PDB file of all heavy atoms in Angstrom:
ATOM      1  N   SER A   1     -20.853  -4.803   0.793  1.00  0.00           N
ATOM      2  CA  SER A   1     -19.803  -5.817   0.829  1.00  0.00           C
ATOM      3  C   SER A   1     -20.352  -7.225   0.989  1.00  0.00           C
ATOM      4  O   SER A   1     -19.647  -8.202   0.735  1.00  0.00           O
ATOM      5  CB  SER A   1     -18.822  -5.515   1.972  1.00  0.00           C
ATOM      6  OG  SER A   1     -18.166  -4.289   1.751  1.00  0.00           O
ATOM      7  N   GLU A   2     -21.595  -7.342   1.386  1.00  0.00           N
ATOM      8  CA  GLU A   2     -22.222  -8.655   1.511  1.00  0.00           C
ATOM      9  C   GLU A   2     -22.259  -9.366   0.154  1.00  0.00           C
ATOM     10  O   GLU A   2     -22.255 -10.596   0.081  1.00  0.00           O
ATOM     11  CB  GLU A   2     -23.639  -8.510   2.074  1.00  0.00           C
ATOM     12  CG  GLU A   2     -24.330  -9.831   2.364  1.00  0.00           C
ATOM     13  CD  GLU A   2     -25.666  -9.641   3.048  1.00  0.00           C
ATOM     14  OE1 GLU A   2     -26.067  -8.485   3.276  1.00  0.00           O
ATOM     15  OE2 GLU A   2     -26.310 -10.655   3.359  1.00  0.00           O
ATOM     16  N   THR A   3     -22.299  -8.598  -0.930  1.00  0.00           N
ATOM     17  CA  THR A   3     -22.425  -9.190  -2.265  1.00  0.00           C
ATOM     18  C   THR A   3     -21.074  -9.522  -2.903  1.00  0.00           C
ATOM     19  O   THR A   3     -21.039 -10.082  -3.994  1.00  0.00           O
ATOM     20  CB  THR A   3     -23.178  -8.219  -3.198  1.00  0.00           C
ATOM     21  OG1 THR A   3     -22.386  -7.035  -3.387  1.00  0.00           O
ATOM     22  CG2 THR A   3     -24.526  -7.833  -2.602  1.00  0.00           C
ATOM     23  N   LEU A   4     -19.973  -9.180  -2.249  1.00  0.00           N
ATOM     24  CA  LEU A   4     -18.664  -9.446  -2.833  1.00  0.00           C
ATOM     25  C   LEU A   4     -18.385 -10.940  -2.898  1.00  0.00           C
ATOM     26  O   LEU A   4     -18.694 -11.680  -1.968  1.00  0.00           O
ATOM     27  CB  LEU A   4     -17.568  -8.769  -1.995  1.00  0.00           C
ATOM     28  CG  LEU A   4     -17.573  -7.242  -1.960  1.00  0.00           C
ATOM     29  CD1 LEU A   4     -16.506  -6.737  -1.002  1.00  0.00           C
ATOM     30  CD2 LEU A   4     -17.345  -6.669  -3.351  1.00  0.00           C
ATOM     31  N   ASP A   5     -17.796 -11.374  -4.013  1.00  0.00           N
ATOM     32  CA  ASP A   5     -17.412 -12.776  -4.117  1.00  0.00           C
ATOM     33  C   ASP A   5     -16.058 -12.882  -4.807  1.00  0.00           C
ATOM     34  O   ASP A   5     -15.450 -11.878  -5.186  1.00  0.00           O
ATOM     35  CB  ASP A   5     -18.480 -13.608  -4.827  1.00  0.00           C
ATOM     36  CG  ASP A   5     -18.753 -13.131  -6.249  1.00  0.00           C
ATOM     37  OD1 ASP A   5     -17.802 -12.700  -6.933  1.00  0.00           O
ATOM     38  OD2 ASP A   5     -19.921 -13.209  -6.682  1.00  0.00           O
ATOM     39  N   VAL A   6     -15.602 -14.090  -4.989  1.00  0.00           N
ATOM     40  CA  VAL A   6     -14.268 -14.330  -5.543  1.00  0.00           C
ATOM     41  C   VAL A   6     -14.115 -13.736  -6.936  1.00  0.00           C
ATOM     42  O   VAL A   6     -13.056 -13.236  -7.308  1.00  0.00           O
ATOM     43  CB  VAL A   6     -13.971 -15.843  -5.557  1.00  0.00           C
ATOM     44  CG1 VAL A   6     -12.644 -16.122  -6.254  1.00  0.00           C
ATOM     45  CG2 VAL A   6     -13.953 -16.396  -4.142  1.00  0.00           C
ATOM     46  N   ASP A   7     -15.192 -13.750  -7.724  1.00  0.00           N
ATOM     47  CA  ASP A   7     -15.129 -13.311  -9.119  1.00  0.00           C
ATOM     48  C   ASP A   7     -15.566 -11.867  -9.323  1.00  0.00           C
ATOM     49  O   ASP A   7     -15.776 -11.444 -10.467  1.00  0.00           O
ATOM     50  CB  ASP A   7     -16.000 -14.235  -9.978  1.00  0.00           C
ATOM     51  CG  ASP A   7     -15.480 -15.673  -9.989  1.00  0.00           C
ATOM     52  OD1 ASP A   7     -14.256 -15.839 -10.157  1.00  0.00           O
ATOM     53  OD2 ASP A   7     -16.281 -16.598  -9.811  1.00  0.00           O
ATOM     54  N   SER A   8     -15.718 -11.112  -8.249  1.00  0.00           N
ATOM     55  CA  SER A   8     -16.132  -9.717  -8.383  1.00  0.00           C
ATOM     56  C   SER A   8     -15.153  -8.923  -9.238  1.00  0.00           C
ATOM     57  O   SER A   8     -13.936  -9.116  -9.176  1.00  0.00           O
ATOM     58  CB  SER A   8     -16.234  -9.064  -6.998  1.00  0.00           C
ATOM     59  OG  SER A   8     -17.280  -9.625  -6.238  1.00  0.00           O
ATOM     60  N   THR A   9     -15.694  -8.026 -10.062  1.00  0.00           N
ATOM     61  CA  THR A   9     -14.869  -7.153 -10.895  1.00  0.00           C
ATOM     62  C   THR A   9     -14.122  -6.158 -10.013  1.00  0.00           C
ATOM     63  O   THR A   9     -14.677  -5.658  -9.029  1.00  0.00           O
ATOM     64  CB  THR A   9     -15.755  -6.395 -11.895  1.00  0.00           C
ATOM     65  OG1 THR A   9     -16.443  -7.336 -12.706  1.00  0.00           O
ATOM     66  CG2 THR A   9     -14.915  -5.476 -12.771  1.00  0.00           C
ATOM     67  N   PRO A  10     -12.883  -5.846 -10.325  1.00  0.00           N
ATOM     68  CA  PRO A  10     -12.153  -4.852  -9.528  1.00  0.00           C
ATOM     69  C   PRO A  10     -12.906  -3.531  -9.431  1.00  0.00           C
ATOM     70  O   PRO A  10     -13.431  -3.026 -10.425  1.00  0.00           O
ATOM     71  CB  PRO A  10     -10.838  -4.677 -10.300  1.00  0.00           C
ATOM     72  CG  PRO A  10     -10.663  -5.953 -11.045  1.00  0.00           C
ATOM     73  CD  PRO A  10     -12.042  -6.404 -11.407  1.00  0.00           C
ATOM     74  N   ASP A  11     -12.976  -3.013  -8.223  1.00  0.00           N
ATOM     75  CA  ASP A  11     -13.601  -1.719  -7.961  1.00  0.00           C
ATOM     76  C   ASP A  11     -12.691  -0.991  -6.975  1.00  0.00           C
ATOM     77  O   ASP A  11     -12.957  -0.921  -5.789  1.00  0.00           O
ATOM     78  CB  ASP A  11     -14.999  -1.913  -7.376  1.00  0.00           C
ATOM     79  CG  ASP A  11     -15.697  -0.593  -7.072  1.00  0.00           C
ATOM     80  OD1 ASP A  11     -15.271   0.449  -7.616  1.00  0.00           O
ATOM     81  OD2 ASP A  11     -16.657  -0.606  -6.278  1.00  0.00           O
ATOM     82  N   ILE A  12     -11.586  -0.476  -7.492  1.00  0.00           N
ATOM     83  CA  ILE A  12     -10.540   0.073  -6.640  1.00  0.00           C
ATOM     84  C   ILE A  12     -10.932   1.468  -6.161  1.00  0.00           C
ATOM     85  O   ILE A  12     -11.088   2.395  -6.952  1.00  0.00           O
ATOM     86  CB  ILE A  12      -9.188   0.115  -7.379  1.00  0.00           C
ATOM     87  CG1 ILE A  12      -8.837  -1.271  -7.945  1.00  0.00           C
ATOM     88  CG2 ILE A  12      -8.086   0.629  -6.450  1.00  0.00           C
ATOM     89  CD1 ILE A  12      -8.758  -2.367  -6.913  1.00  0.00           C
ATOM     90  N   ARG A  13     -11.064   1.601  -4.852  1.00  0.00           N
ATOM     91  CA  ARG A  13     -11.387   2.890  -4.239  1.00  0.00           C
ATOM     92  C   ARG A  13     -10.158   3.540  -3.602  1.00  0.00           C
ATOM     93  O   ARG A  13     -10.147   4.744  -3.393  1.00  0.00           O
ATOM     94  CB  ARG A  13     -12.458   2.699  -3.159  1.00  0.00           C
ATOM     95  CG  ARG A  13     -13.701   1.931  -3.578  1.00  0.00           C
ATOM     96  CD  ARG A  13     -14.492   2.670  -4.627  1.00  0.00           C
ATOM     97  NE  ARG A  13     -15.697   1.963  -5.017  1.00  0.00           N
ATOM     98  CZ  ARG A  13     -16.921   2.208  -4.546  1.00  0.00           C
ATOM     99  NH1 ARG A  13     -17.092   3.141  -3.631  1.00  0.00           N
ATOM    100  NH2 ARG A  13     -17.962   1.513  -4.974  1.00  0.00           N
ATOM    101  N   TYR A  14      -9.168   2.702  -3.261  1.00  0.00           N
ATOM    102  CA  TYR A  14      -7.995   3.187  -2.532  1.00  0.00           C
ATOM    103  C   TYR A  14      -6.746   2.621  -3.202  1.00  0.00           C
ATOM    104  O   TYR A  14      -6.540   1.412  -3.226  1.00  0.00           O
ATOM    105  CB  TYR A  14      -8.065   2.728  -1.071  1.00  0.00           C
ATOM    106  CG  TYR A  14      -7.021   3.326  -0.155  1.00  0.00           C
ATOM    107  CD1 TYR A  14      -7.301   4.470   0.590  1.00  0.00           C
ATOM    108  CD2 TYR A  14      -5.767   2.751  -0.018  1.00  0.00           C
ATOM    109  CE1 TYR A  14      -6.351   5.016   1.446  1.00  0.00           C
ATOM    110  CE2 TYR A  14      -4.805   3.290   0.829  1.00  0.00           C
ATOM    111  CZ  TYR A  14      -5.116   4.418   1.560  1.00  0.00           C
ATOM    112  OH  TYR A  14      -4.169   4.961   2.405  1.00  0.00           O
ATOM    113  N   LEU A  15      -5.931   3.503  -3.791  1.00  0.00           N
ATOM    114  CA  LEU A  15      -4.743   3.098  -4.541  1.00  0.00           C
ATOM    115  C   LEU A  15      -3.503   3.659  -3.855  1.00  0.00           C
ATOM    116  O   LEU A  15      -3.358   4.873  -3.693  1.00  0.00           O
ATOM    117  CB  LEU A  15      -4.833   3.617  -5.976  1.00  0.00           C
ATOM    118  CG  LEU A  15      -3.674   3.297  -6.922  1.00  0.00           C
ATOM    119  CD1 LEU A  15      -3.456   1.792  -7.042  1.00  0.00           C
ATOM    120  CD2 LEU A  15      -3.941   3.905  -8.298  1.00  0.00           C
ATOM    121  N   ASP A  16      -2.618   2.765  -3.452  1.00  0.00           N
ATOM    122  CA  ASP A  16      -1.468   3.117  -2.620  1.00  0.00           C
ATOM    123  C   ASP A  16      -0.173   2.890  -3.406  1.00  0.00           C
ATOM    124  O   ASP A  16       0.045   1.808  -3.956  1.00  0.00           O
ATOM    125  CB  ASP A  16      -1.496   2.234  -1.364  1.00  0.00           C
ATOM    126  CG  ASP A  16      -0.498   2.662  -0.308  1.00  0.00           C
ATOM    127  OD1 ASP A  16       0.548   3.222  -0.662  1.00  0.00           O
ATOM    128  OD2 ASP A  16      -0.767   2.415   0.880  1.00  0.00           O
ATOM    129  N   PHE A  17       0.665   3.923  -3.460  1.00  0.00           N
ATOM    130  CA  PHE A  17       1.961   3.809  -4.121  1.00  0.00           C
ATOM    131  C   PHE A  17       3.080   3.899  -3.081  1.00  0.00           C
ATOM    132  O   PHE A  17       3.190   4.899  -2.364  1.00  0.00           O
ATOM    133  CB  PHE A  17       2.163   4.937  -5.144  1.00  0.00           C
ATOM    134  CG  PHE A  17       1.245   4.877  -6.322  1.00  0.00           C
ATOM    135  CD1 PHE A  17       0.069   5.609  -6.337  1.00  0.00           C
ATOM    136  CD2 PHE A  17       1.555   4.102  -7.425  1.00  0.00           C
ATOM    137  CE1 PHE A  17      -0.790   5.571  -7.435  1.00  0.00           C
ATOM    138  CE2 PHE A  17       0.712   4.053  -8.529  1.00  0.00           C
ATOM    139  CZ  PHE A  17      -0.466   4.791  -8.526  1.00  0.00           C
ATOM    140  N   THR A  18       3.883   2.861  -3.006  1.00  0.00           N
ATOM    141  CA  THR A  18       5.108   2.888  -2.210  1.00  0.00           C
ATOM    142  C   THR A  18       6.241   2.725  -3.212  1.00  0.00           C
ATOM    143  O   THR A  18       6.639   1.607  -3.552  1.00  0.00           O
ATOM    144  CB  THR A  18       5.127   1.766  -1.159  1.00  0.00           C
ATOM    145  OG1 THR A  18       3.966   1.900  -0.329  1.00  0.00           O
ATOM    146  CG2 THR A  18       6.366   1.843  -0.297  1.00  0.00           C
ATOM    147  N   LEU A  19       6.737   3.835  -3.731  1.00  0.00           N
ATOM    148  CA  LEU A  19       7.570   3.806  -4.930  1.00  0.00           C
ATOM    149  C   LEU A  19       9.061   3.633  -4.657  1.00  0.00           C
ATOM    150  O   LEU A  19       9.789   3.133  -5.514  1.00  0.00           O
ATOM    151  CB  LEU A  19       7.336   5.078  -5.744  1.00  0.00           C
ATOM    152  CG  LEU A  19       5.903   5.245  -6.281  1.00  0.00           C
ATOM    153  CD1 LEU A  19       5.791   6.550  -7.050  1.00  0.00           C
ATOM    154  CD2 LEU A  19       5.508   4.074  -7.156  1.00  0.00           C
ATOM    155  N   SER A  20       9.530   4.066  -3.498  1.00  0.00           N
ATOM    156  CA  SER A  20      10.953   3.895  -3.218  1.00  0.00           C
ATOM    157  C   SER A  20      11.220   4.120  -1.739  1.00  0.00           C
ATOM    158  O   SER A  20      10.348   4.541  -0.979  1.00  0.00           O
ATOM    159  CB  SER A  20      11.797   4.863  -4.054  1.00  0.00           C
ATOM    160  OG  SER A  20      11.940   6.116  -3.414  1.00  0.00           O
ATOM    161  N   ASN A  21      12.463   3.855  -1.355  1.00  0.00           N
ATOM    162  CA  ASN A  21      12.880   4.083   0.029  1.00  0.00           C
ATOM    163  C   ASN A  21      13.674   5.383   0.174  1.00  0.00           C
ATOM    164  O   ASN A  21      14.357   5.578   1.186  1.00  0.00           O
ATOM    165  CB  ASN A  21      13.710   2.895   0.538  1.00  0.00           C
ATOM    166  CG  ASN A  21      15.061   2.774  -0.177  1.00  0.00           C
ATOM    167  OD1 ASN A  21      15.245   3.304  -1.274  1.00  0.00           O
ATOM    168  ND2 ASN A  21      15.991   2.055   0.428  1.00  0.00           N
ATOM    169  N   LYS A  22      13.591   6.259  -0.818  1.00  0.00           N
ATOM    170  CA  LYS A  22      14.324   7.517  -0.752  1.00  0.00           C
ATOM    171  C   LYS A  22      13.797   8.368   0.407  1.00  0.00           C
ATOM    172  O   LYS A  22      12.620   8.713   0.458  1.00  0.00           O
ATOM    173  CB  LYS A  22      14.195   8.287  -2.064  1.00  0.00           C
ATOM    174  CG  LYS A  22      15.051   9.550  -2.096  1.00  0.00           C
ATOM    175  CD  LYS A  22      14.983  10.255  -3.441  1.00  0.00           C
ATOM    176  CE  LYS A  22      15.851  11.512  -3.432  1.00  0.00           C
ATOM    177  NZ  LYS A  22      15.796  12.243  -4.717  1.00  0.00           N
ATOM    178  N   CYS A  23      14.680   8.705   1.338  1.00  0.00           N
ATOM    179  CA  CYS A  23      14.265   9.457   2.531  1.00  0.00           C
ATOM    180  C   CYS A  23      15.432  10.296   3.026  1.00  0.00           C
ATOM    181  O   CYS A  23      16.602   9.912   2.887  1.00  0.00           O
ATOM    182  CB  CYS A  23      13.799   8.493   3.622  1.00  0.00           C
ATOM    183  SG  CYS A  23      13.108   9.331   5.082  1.00  0.00           S
ATOM    184  N   ASN A  24      15.107  11.421   3.621  1.00  0.00           N
ATOM    185  CA  ASN A  24      16.126  12.338   4.130  1.00  0.00           C
ATOM    186  C   ASN A  24      16.453  12.105   5.599  1.00  0.00           C
ATOM    187  O   ASN A  24      17.326  12.772   6.155  1.00  0.00           O
ATOM    188  CB  ASN A  24      15.668  13.791   3.935  1.00  0.00           C
ATOM    189  CG  ASN A  24      14.344  14.080   4.615  1.00  0.00           C
ATOM    190  OD1 ASN A  24      13.448  13.240   4.616  1.00  0.00           O
ATOM    191  ND2 ASN A  24      14.204  15.260   5.182  1.00  0.00           N
ATOM    192  N   LEU A  25      15.756  11.172   6.256  1.00  0.00           N
ATOM    193  CA  LEU A  25      15.972  10.923   7.680  1.00  0.00           C
ATOM    194  C   LEU A  25      16.472   9.499   7.919  1.00  0.00           C
ATOM    195  O   LEU A  25      16.469   8.660   7.017  1.00  0.00           O
ATOM    196  CB  LEU A  25      14.675  11.149   8.466  1.00  0.00           C
ATOM    197  CG  LEU A  25      14.017  12.527   8.358  1.00  0.00           C
ATOM    198  CD1 LEU A  25      12.812  12.596   9.286  1.00  0.00           C
ATOM    199  CD2 LEU A  25      14.998  13.636   8.670  1.00  0.00           C
ATOM    200  N   ALA A  26      16.870   9.243   9.165  1.00  0.00           N
ATOM    201  CA  ALA A  26      17.340   7.913   9.568  1.00  0.00           C
ATOM    202  C   ALA A  26      16.731   7.572  10.921  1.00  0.00           C
ATOM    203  O   ALA A  26      17.432   7.381  11.921  1.00  0.00           O
ATOM    204  CB  ALA A  26      18.865   7.878   9.637  1.00  0.00           C
ATOM    205  N   CYS A  27      15.415   7.502  10.961  1.00  0.00           N
ATOM    206  CA  CYS A  27      14.698   7.312  12.218  1.00  0.00           C
ATOM    207  C   CYS A  27      15.060   5.977  12.866  1.00  0.00           C
ATOM    208  O   CYS A  27      15.247   4.968  12.180  1.00  0.00           O
ATOM    209  CB  CYS A  27      13.198   7.388  11.984  1.00  0.00           C
ATOM    210  SG  CYS A  27      12.673   8.977  11.314  1.00  0.00           S
ATOM    211  N   ILE A  28      15.106   5.963  14.197  1.00  0.00           N
ATOM    212  CA  ILE A  28      15.593   4.780  14.892  1.00  0.00           C
ATOM    213  C   ILE A  28      14.654   3.593  14.769  1.00  0.00           C
ATOM    214  O   ILE A  28      15.085   2.449  14.930  1.00  0.00           O
ATOM    215  CB  ILE A  28      15.871   5.076  16.375  1.00  0.00           C
ATOM    216  CG1 ILE A  28      14.580   5.481  17.096  1.00  0.00           C
ATOM    217  CG2 ILE A  28      16.919   6.154  16.532  1.00  0.00           C
ATOM    218  CD1 ILE A  28      14.760   5.603  18.578  1.00  0.00           C
ATOM    219  N   HIS A  29      13.370   3.826  14.487  1.00  0.00           N
ATOM    220  CA  HIS A  29      12.433   2.718  14.321  1.00  0.00           C
ATOM    221  C   HIS A  29      12.324   2.294  12.862  1.00  0.00           C
ATOM    222  O   HIS A  29      11.458   1.500  12.502  1.00  0.00           O
ATOM    223  CB  HIS A  29      11.056   3.094  14.864  1.00  0.00           C
ATOM    224  CG  HIS A  29      10.523   4.406  14.367  1.00  0.00           C
ATOM    225  ND1 HIS A  29      11.091   5.602  14.703  1.00  0.00           N
ATOM    226  CD2 HIS A  29       9.472   4.716  13.570  1.00  0.00           C
ATOM    227  CE1 HIS A  29      10.416   6.587  14.139  1.00  0.00           C
ATOM    228  NE2 HIS A  29       9.439   6.073  13.434  1.00  0.00           N
ATOM    229  N   CYS A  30      13.212   2.825  12.044  1.00  0.00           N
ATOM    230  CA  CYS A  30      13.254   2.504  10.623  1.00  0.00           C
ATOM    231  C   CYS A  30      14.501   1.653  10.365  1.00  0.00           C
ATOM    232  O   CYS A  30      14.967   0.936  11.244  1.00  0.00           O
ATOM    233  CB  CYS A  30      13.277   3.811   9.836  1.00  0.00           C
ATOM    234  SG  CYS A  30      12.809   3.644   8.114  1.00  0.00           S
ATOM    235  N   GLY A  31      15.042   1.717   9.151  1.00  0.00           N
ATOM    236  CA  GLY A  31      16.232   0.949   8.827  1.00  0.00           C
ATOM    237  C   GLY A  31      16.629   1.179   7.386  1.00  0.00           C
ATOM    238  O   GLY A  31      15.896   1.815   6.614  1.00  0.00           O
ATOM    239  N   PRO A  32      17.781   0.662   6.958  1.00  0.00           N
ATOM    240  CA  PRO A  32      18.281   0.941   5.602  1.00  0.00           C
ATOM    241  C   PRO A  32      17.411   0.390   4.487  1.00  0.00           C
ATOM    242  O   PRO A  32      17.427   0.930   3.378  1.00  0.00           O
ATOM    243  CB  PRO A  32      19.674   0.291   5.600  1.00  0.00           C
ATOM    244  CG  PRO A  32      19.670  -0.676   6.720  1.00  0.00           C
ATOM    245  CD  PRO A  32      18.744  -0.112   7.750  1.00  0.00           C
ATOM    246  N   PHE A  33      16.650  -0.677   4.751  1.00  0.00           N
ATOM    247  CA  PHE A  33      15.819  -1.233   3.687  1.00  0.00           C
ATOM    248  C   PHE A  33      14.721  -0.255   3.265  1.00  0.00           C
ATOM    249  O   PHE A  33      14.336  -0.222   2.098  1.00  0.00           O
ATOM    250  CB  PHE A  33      15.187  -2.550   4.140  1.00  0.00           C
ATOM    251  CG  PHE A  33      14.324  -3.198   3.093  1.00  0.00           C
ATOM    252  CD1 PHE A  33      14.876  -3.715   1.934  1.00  0.00           C
ATOM    253  CD2 PHE A  33      12.939  -3.277   3.253  1.00  0.00           C
ATOM    254  CE1 PHE A  33      14.086  -4.301   0.959  1.00  0.00           C
ATOM    255  CE2 PHE A  33      12.138  -3.861   2.281  1.00  0.00           C
ATOM    256  CZ  PHE A  33      12.714  -4.374   1.133  1.00  0.00           C
TER     257      PHE A  33
END
């Protein structure tokens, strides 16, 4: 990581999908959004 700079080519190791809020629960620390 010492060699990383602003113009580094993408090297994606971790890809995260948060596709929707569809859920079967209504946990109290959550909400409708």
